[in-house]
Structure formats: C-alpha cells, structure tokens
C-alpha cells in the first residue's frame, strides 16, 4: 500500500475515532483503553465498544446479546465480531458499500451495548 493511500486511511480512521470518542464520552463512567491494539471503550472495566479494522474494513464492534445477534447478522453491513462473537457481539462495517456512516445508528448501537454491559454489574 502506498504512503498516500495509507495516510488517507489513517486520516479517515482518526476522524471515525474522534466521532466514536464523542459518542462514548457522553455515557456515564465510560473510559477509553487500548485492548489488543484497538481503541476500546469500557464501563466498570467491561468493554462496550471497540474500533477495529477487520480484513481491510473499519468496523465498530458492540454487544447486542446472543438472542439479538442473528437479527443483526441478516444485514450485510454487520459481521460476527471475531473472538467476541460467541458472546453476542457484532461489528458494523463503517462506510459499507461506499455509503456514509449513519452516526445516529452508531450512537444507538453503542448506547445499547453500554446498557447491556453496565446492567450486568448492577
């Protein structure tokens, strides 16, 4: 991959991370860490969102629960999150098929994941 292409991809990733940080920062007690080299957002030390690149695609991984996972996977924009999928996680492909990212949808998915994760410790 050429330097120009890599720079464009890194710039796009930085913009996405900035938007995701803003979404996550609005949630009580949420904080950012790095896990396995990926920006990871946690509440009470439990992950609720991860920004990662999988097979060349930028994705946001969220927990939707095992019962709802199959519903999301019927939509081609989602994939079963590697390593976390067995625990009810899905990853949303950002800018799938060249479409702009729907940040209202991302925010809704992140909030839902946050609620699932934070409810487990109450």
N, C-alpha and C. Protein backbone atom coordinates (compact mmCIF):
# COMPACT_ATOMS: atom_id res chain seq x y z
N UNK A 1 0.85 -1.18 0.00
CA UNK A 1 0.00 0.00 0.00
C UNK A 1 0.89 1.23 0.00
N UNK A 2 0.60 2.18 -0.87
CA UNK A 2 1.41 3.38 -0.97
C UNK A 2 1.19 4.31 0.21
N UNK A 3 2.16 5.19 0.42
CA UNK A 3 2.11 6.13 1.53
C UNK A 3 0.86 7.01 1.47
N UNK A 4 0.50 7.49 0.29
CA UNK A 4 -0.67 8.37 0.15
C UNK A 4 -1.94 7.64 0.56
N UNK A 5 -2.10 6.40 0.12
CA UNK A 5 -3.29 5.61 0.47
C UNK A 5 -3.32 5.36 1.97
N UNK A 6 -2.18 4.99 2.55
CA UNK A 6 -2.11 4.73 3.98
C UNK A 6 -2.45 5.98 4.78
N UNK A 7 -1.96 7.14 4.33
CA UNK A 7 -2.22 8.40 5.02
C UNK A 7 -3.71 8.74 4.97
N UNK A 8 -4.35 8.52 3.83
CA UNK A 8 -5.78 8.77 3.71
C UNK A 8 -6.55 7.84 4.65
N UNK A 9 -6.19 6.57 4.68
CA UNK A 9 -6.87 5.61 5.56
C UNK A 9 -6.67 5.97 7.02
N UNK A 10 -5.46 6.36 7.39
CA UNK A 10 -5.20 6.74 8.78
C UNK A 10 -5.98 7.99 9.15
N UNK A 11 -6.09 8.93 8.22
CA UNK A 11 -6.86 10.15 8.46
C UNK A 11 -8.34 9.81 8.65
N UNK A 12 -8.87 8.94 7.81
CA UNK A 12 -10.28 8.53 7.93
C UNK A 12 -10.50 7.81 9.26
N UNK A 13 -9.57 6.95 9.65
CA UNK A 13 -9.69 6.24 10.93
C UNK A 13 -9.66 7.21 12.10
N UNK A 14 -8.81 8.23 12.02
CA UNK A 14 -8.72 9.23 13.08
C UNK A 14 -10.03 10.00 13.20
N UNK A 15 -10.65 10.33 12.07
CA UNK A 15 -11.93 11.04 12.10
C UNK A 15 -13.02 10.16 12.72
N UNK A 16 -13.04 8.90 12.35
CA UNK A 16 -14.02 7.96 12.90
C UNK A 16 -13.80 7.81 14.40
N UNK A 17 -12.56 7.66 14.81
CA UNK A 17 -12.26 7.52 16.23
C UNK A 17 -12.70 8.75 17.01
N UNK A 18 -12.48 9.91 16.45
CA UNK A 18 -12.90 11.15 17.10
C UNK A 18 -14.42 11.17 17.31
N UNK A 19 -15.17 10.77 16.31
CA UNK A 19 -16.64 10.73 16.43
C UNK A 19 -17.07 9.67 17.43
N UNK A 20 -16.43 8.51 17.40
CA UNK A 20 -16.78 7.45 18.33
C UNK A 20 -16.46 7.86 19.77
N UNK A 21 -15.34 8.53 19.97
CA UNK A 21 -14.98 9.04 21.30
C UNK A 21 -16.07 9.98 21.83
N UNK A 22 -16.58 10.84 20.97
CA UNK A 22 -17.62 11.78 21.39
C UNK A 22 -18.89 11.04 21.82
N UNK A 23 -19.26 10.00 21.07
CA UNK A 23 -20.43 9.21 21.42
C UNK A 23 -20.23 8.54 22.77
N UNK A 24 -19.08 7.92 22.95
CA UNK A 24 -18.81 7.17 24.18
C UNK A 24 -18.62 8.09 25.39
N UNK A 25 -18.02 9.25 25.18
CA UNK A 25 -17.77 10.19 26.28
C UNK A 25 -19.06 10.71 26.90
N UNK A 26 -20.14 10.65 26.15
CA UNK A 26 -21.43 11.13 26.66
C UNK A 26 -22.08 10.14 27.63
N UNK A 27 -21.50 8.96 27.76
CA UNK A 27 -22.07 7.92 28.62
C UNK A 27 -21.40 7.94 30.00
N UNK A 28 -22.19 7.83 31.07
CA UNK A 28 -21.62 7.90 32.43
C UNK A 28 -20.55 6.84 32.68
N UNK A 29 -19.45 7.27 33.25
CA UNK A 29 -18.35 6.40 33.68
C UNK A 29 -17.64 5.67 32.54
N UNK A 30 -17.90 6.06 31.31
CA UNK A 30 -17.22 5.43 30.17
C UNK A 30 -15.79 5.95 30.08
N UNK A 31 -14.88 5.06 29.72
CA UNK A 31 -13.50 5.47 29.53
C UNK A 31 -12.87 4.64 28.41
N UNK A 32 -11.80 5.20 27.86
CA UNK A 32 -11.13 4.56 26.73
C UNK A 32 -9.85 3.88 27.18
N UNK A 33 -9.63 2.71 26.65
CA UNK A 33 -8.39 1.97 26.86
C UNK A 33 -7.95 1.43 25.49
N UNK A 34 -6.87 0.71 25.48
CA UNK A 34 -6.44 0.00 24.28
C UNK A 34 -6.37 -1.47 24.64
N UNK A 35 -7.05 -2.29 23.84
CA UNK A 35 -7.02 -3.74 24.04
C UNK A 35 -6.66 -4.38 22.71
N UNK A 36 -5.64 -5.20 22.71
CA UNK A 36 -5.18 -5.89 21.51
C UNK A 36 -4.90 -4.91 20.37
N UNK A 37 -4.43 -3.72 20.73
CA UNK A 37 -4.07 -2.71 19.75
C UNK A 37 -5.22 -1.89 19.21
N UNK A 38 -6.43 -2.05 19.76
CA UNK A 38 -7.61 -1.35 19.27
C UNK A 38 -8.15 -0.39 20.32
N UNK A 39 -8.62 0.79 19.90
CA UNK A 39 -9.29 1.67 20.85
C UNK A 39 -10.54 0.96 21.37
N UNK A 40 -10.65 0.88 22.68
CA UNK A 40 -11.70 0.12 23.33
C UNK A 40 -12.36 1.00 24.38
N UNK A 41 -13.68 0.95 24.43
CA UNK A 41 -14.42 1.78 25.38
C UNK A 41 -15.07 0.86 26.40
N UNK A 42 -14.93 1.26 27.67
CA UNK A 42 -15.36 0.41 28.78
C UNK A 42 -16.19 1.20 29.78
N UNK A 43 -16.98 0.46 30.52
CA UNK A 43 -17.67 0.97 31.70
C UNK A 43 -17.48 -0.10 32.76
N UNK A 44 -17.06 0.31 33.94
CA UNK A 44 -16.80 -0.64 35.03
C UNK A 44 -15.90 -1.79 34.56
N UNK A 45 -14.90 -1.45 33.79
CA UNK A 45 -13.90 -2.40 33.26
C UNK A 45 -14.46 -3.42 32.27
N UNK A 46 -15.70 -3.24 31.84
CA UNK A 46 -16.29 -4.14 30.85
C UNK A 46 -16.37 -3.42 29.51
N UNK A 47 -15.94 -4.07 28.45
CA UNK A 47 -15.96 -3.47 27.11
C UNK A 47 -17.40 -3.31 26.62
N UNK A 48 -17.64 -2.16 25.95
CA UNK A 48 -18.94 -1.99 25.30
C UNK A 48 -18.80 -1.54 23.85
N UNK A 49 -17.63 -1.08 23.43
CA UNK A 49 -17.42 -0.71 22.03
C UNK A 49 -15.94 -0.81 21.69
N UNK A 50 -15.66 -1.26 20.48
CA UNK A 50 -14.29 -1.40 20.01
C UNK A 50 -14.22 -0.92 18.56
N UNK A 51 -13.24 -0.08 18.26
CA UNK A 51 -12.99 0.32 16.88
C UNK A 51 -11.85 -0.54 16.36
N UNK A 52 -12.10 -1.22 15.26
CA UNK A 52 -11.05 -2.09 14.72
C UNK A 52 -11.15 -2.17 13.21
N UNK A 53 -10.07 -2.59 12.62
CA UNK A 53 -10.06 -2.86 11.19
C UNK A 53 -10.01 -4.37 11.04
N UNK A 54 -10.96 -4.91 10.29
CA UNK A 54 -11.02 -6.34 10.06
C UNK A 54 -11.05 -6.59 8.56
N UNK A 55 -10.04 -7.29 8.09
CA UNK A 55 -9.91 -7.61 6.66
C UNK A 55 -10.06 -6.37 5.79
N UNK A 56 -9.40 -5.30 6.23
CA UNK A 56 -9.38 -4.08 5.44
C UNK A 56 -10.57 -3.16 5.62
N UNK A 57 -11.53 -3.55 6.44
CA UNK A 57 -12.73 -2.74 6.67
C UNK A 57 -12.72 -2.19 8.09
N UNK A 58 -13.01 -0.91 8.23
CA UNK A 58 -13.12 -0.29 9.54
C UNK A 58 -14.48 -0.65 10.12
N UNK A 59 -14.48 -1.14 11.36
CA UNK A 59 -15.73 -1.57 12.00
C UNK A 59 -15.82 -1.05 13.42
N UNK A 60 -17.04 -0.97 13.92
CA UNK A 60 -17.30 -0.72 15.33
C UNK A 60 -17.98 -1.96 15.87
N UNK A 61 -17.36 -2.57 16.87
CA UNK A 61 -17.91 -3.77 17.49
C UNK A 61 -18.71 -3.36 18.73
N UNK A 62 -19.89 -3.96 18.87
CA UNK A 62 -20.77 -3.70 20.01
C UNK A 62 -21.43 -4.99 20.45
N UNK A 63 -21.82 -5.01 21.71
CA UNK A 63 -22.54 -6.18 22.23
C UNK A 63 -24.03 -5.97 22.01
N UNK A 64 -24.68 -6.96 21.38
CA UNK A 64 -26.12 -6.90 21.18
C UNK A 64 -26.82 -8.05 21.90
N UNK A 65 -26.04 -8.99 22.41
CA UNK A 65 -26.59 -10.15 23.09
C UNK A 65 -26.80 -11.31 22.12
N UNK A 66 -26.71 -12.50 22.65
CA UNK A 66 -26.83 -13.69 21.81
C UNK A 66 -28.20 -13.79 21.15
N UNK A 67 -29.25 -13.39 21.86
CA UNK A 67 -30.61 -13.51 21.32
C UNK A 67 -30.83 -12.60 20.12
N UNK A 68 -30.21 -11.44 20.08
CA UNK A 68 -30.40 -10.48 19.00
C UNK A 68 -29.35 -10.57 17.90
N UNK A 69 -28.28 -11.28 18.15
CA UNK A 69 -27.17 -11.32 17.20
C UNK A 69 -27.61 -11.75 15.81
N UNK A 70 -28.43 -12.78 15.71
CA UNK A 70 -28.84 -13.30 14.40
C UNK A 70 -29.66 -12.28 13.62
N UNK A 71 -30.40 -11.43 14.32
CA UNK A 71 -31.18 -10.38 13.65
C UNK A 71 -30.23 -9.41 12.94
N UNK A 72 -29.20 -8.99 13.63
CA UNK A 72 -28.22 -8.07 13.05
C UNK A 72 -27.46 -8.71 11.90
N UNK A 73 -27.15 -9.98 12.03
CA UNK A 73 -26.34 -10.66 11.01
C UNK A 73 -27.09 -10.88 9.70
N UNK A 74 -28.40 -10.67 9.69
CA UNK A 74 -29.17 -10.73 8.44
C UNK A 74 -28.88 -9.50 7.57
N UNK A 75 -28.35 -8.45 8.17
CA UNK A 75 -27.99 -7.22 7.47
C UNK A 75 -26.52 -7.34 7.06
N UNK A 76 -26.24 -7.21 5.78
CA UNK A 76 -24.88 -7.41 5.26
C UNK A 76 -23.86 -6.41 5.81
N UNK A 77 -24.32 -5.33 6.42
CA UNK A 77 -23.38 -4.36 6.99
C UNK A 77 -22.75 -4.87 8.28
N UNK A 78 -23.31 -5.93 8.85
CA UNK A 78 -22.82 -6.48 10.11
C UNK A 78 -22.10 -7.81 9.89
N UNK A 79 -21.15 -8.07 10.75
CA UNK A 79 -20.49 -9.37 10.78
C UNK A 79 -20.34 -9.79 12.25
N UNK A 80 -20.18 -11.07 12.44
CA UNK A 80 -19.95 -11.59 13.80
C UNK A 80 -18.55 -11.17 14.21
N UNK A 81 -18.45 -10.47 15.31
CA UNK A 81 -17.17 -9.94 15.75
C UNK A 81 -16.19 -11.08 16.02
N UNK A 82 -15.01 -11.04 15.40
CA UNK A 82 -14.01 -12.07 15.67
C UNK A 82 -13.70 -12.12 17.17
N UNK A 83 -13.59 -13.31 17.69
CA UNK A 83 -13.24 -13.61 19.08
C UNK A 83 -14.34 -13.25 20.08
N UNK A 84 -15.12 -12.21 19.84
CA UNK A 84 -16.17 -11.80 20.78
C UNK A 84 -17.56 -12.24 20.32
N UNK A 85 -17.68 -12.65 19.08
CA UNK A 85 -18.97 -13.03 18.53
C UNK A 85 -19.68 -14.09 19.34
N UNK A 86 -18.95 -15.01 19.90
CA UNK A 86 -19.56 -16.08 20.69
C UNK A 86 -20.24 -15.55 21.95
N UNK A 87 -19.95 -14.29 22.30
CA UNK A 87 -20.55 -13.67 23.49
C UNK A 87 -21.64 -12.66 23.11
N UNK A 88 -22.11 -12.71 21.86
CA UNK A 88 -23.20 -11.83 21.44
C UNK A 88 -22.78 -10.50 20.88
N UNK A 89 -21.59 -10.43 20.30
CA UNK A 89 -21.08 -9.18 19.71
C UNK A 89 -21.23 -9.22 18.19
N UNK A 90 -21.49 -8.04 17.61
CA UNK A 90 -21.49 -7.85 16.16
C UNK A 90 -20.63 -6.64 15.84
N UNK A 91 -20.14 -6.60 14.61
CA UNK A 91 -19.35 -5.46 14.14
C UNK A 91 -20.08 -4.82 12.97
N UNK A 92 -20.24 -3.51 13.04
CA UNK A 92 -20.84 -2.74 11.95
C UNK A 92 -19.75 -2.26 11.03
N UNK A 93 -19.85 -2.62 9.76
CA UNK A 93 -18.89 -2.14 8.75
C UNK A 93 -19.19 -0.67 8.51
N UNK A 94 -18.22 0.18 8.77
CA UNK A 94 -18.41 1.61 8.54
C UNK A 94 -18.20 1.91 7.07
N UNK A 95 -19.01 2.79 6.53
CA UNK A 95 -18.95 3.16 5.12
C UNK A 95 -19.11 1.94 4.21
N UNK A 96 -19.98 1.03 4.61
CA UNK A 96 -20.21 -0.18 3.81
C UNK A 96 -20.73 0.19 2.44
N UNK A 97 -20.15 -0.41 1.44
CA UNK A 97 -20.54 -0.18 0.03
C UNK A 97 -20.48 1.30 -0.35
N UNK A 98 -19.58 2.04 0.28
CA UNK A 98 -19.41 3.45 -0.06
C UNK A 98 -20.43 4.38 0.57
N UNK A 99 -21.36 3.84 1.33
CA UNK A 99 -22.39 4.68 1.97
C UNK A 99 -21.78 5.42 3.16
N UNK A 100 -22.29 6.61 3.42
CA UNK A 100 -21.82 7.38 4.57
C UNK A 100 -22.26 6.69 5.86
N UNK A 101 -21.44 6.80 6.88
CA UNK A 101 -21.76 6.22 8.18
C UNK A 101 -22.92 6.98 8.80
N UNK A 102 -23.91 6.24 9.27
CA UNK A 102 -25.05 6.83 9.97
C UNK A 102 -24.68 6.92 11.45
N UNK A 103 -24.25 8.09 11.88
CA UNK A 103 -23.77 8.24 13.26
C UNK A 103 -24.87 8.17 14.29
N UNK A 104 -26.11 8.43 13.89
CA UNK A 104 -27.23 8.21 14.82
C UNK A 104 -27.37 6.71 15.10
N UNK A 105 -27.21 5.90 14.06
CA UNK A 105 -27.27 4.45 14.22
C UNK A 105 -26.11 3.96 15.09
N UNK A 106 -24.91 4.45 14.82
CA UNK A 106 -23.74 4.06 15.62
C UNK A 106 -23.98 4.41 17.08
N UNK A 107 -24.46 5.63 17.33
CA UNK A 107 -24.71 6.07 18.71
C UNK A 107 -25.75 5.18 19.39
N UNK A 108 -26.77 4.81 18.67
CA UNK A 108 -27.81 3.93 19.23
C UNK A 108 -27.24 2.55 19.57
N UNK A 109 -26.44 2.00 18.67
CA UNK A 109 -25.82 0.70 18.92
C UNK A 109 -24.87 0.76 20.12
N UNK A 110 -24.08 1.82 20.20
CA UNK A 110 -23.13 1.98 21.31
C UNK A 110 -23.89 2.11 22.64
N UNK A 111 -24.95 2.92 22.64
CA UNK A 111 -25.75 3.08 23.88
C UNK A 111 -26.36 1.75 24.30
N UNK A 112 -26.88 1.00 23.33
CA UNK A 112 -27.47 -0.31 23.65
C UNK A 112 -26.44 -1.26 24.24
N UNK A 113 -25.26 -1.27 23.67
CA UNK A 113 -24.18 -2.12 24.17
C UNK A 113 -23.78 -1.69 25.58
N UNK A 114 -23.65 -0.39 25.76
CA UNK A 114 -23.30 0.18 27.08
C UNK A 114 -24.33 -0.28 28.13
N UNK A 115 -25.60 -0.18 27.78
CA UNK A 115 -26.66 -0.58 28.73
C UNK A 115 -26.60 -2.06 29.04
N UNK A 116 -26.37 -2.89 28.03
CA UNK A 116 -26.23 -4.33 28.27
C UNK A 116 -25.08 -4.65 29.20
N UNK A 117 -23.95 -4.03 28.94
CA UNK A 117 -22.74 -4.31 29.70
C UNK A 117 -22.84 -3.74 31.12
N UNK A 118 -23.31 -2.53 31.25
CA UNK A 118 -23.36 -1.90 32.59
C UNK A 118 -24.45 -2.54 33.44
N UNK A 119 -25.50 -3.08 32.85
CA UNK A 119 -26.57 -3.71 33.62
C UNK A 119 -26.11 -5.00 34.29
N UNK A 120 -25.12 -5.65 33.72
CA UNK A 120 -24.64 -6.94 34.26
C UNK A 120 -24.06 -6.80 35.66
N UNK A 121 -23.57 -5.65 36.00
CA UNK A 121 -22.89 -5.47 37.29
C UNK A 121 -23.76 -4.79 38.33
N UNK A 122 -24.98 -4.49 38.03
CA UNK A 122 -25.83 -3.78 39.00
C UNK A 122 -26.29 -4.68 40.09
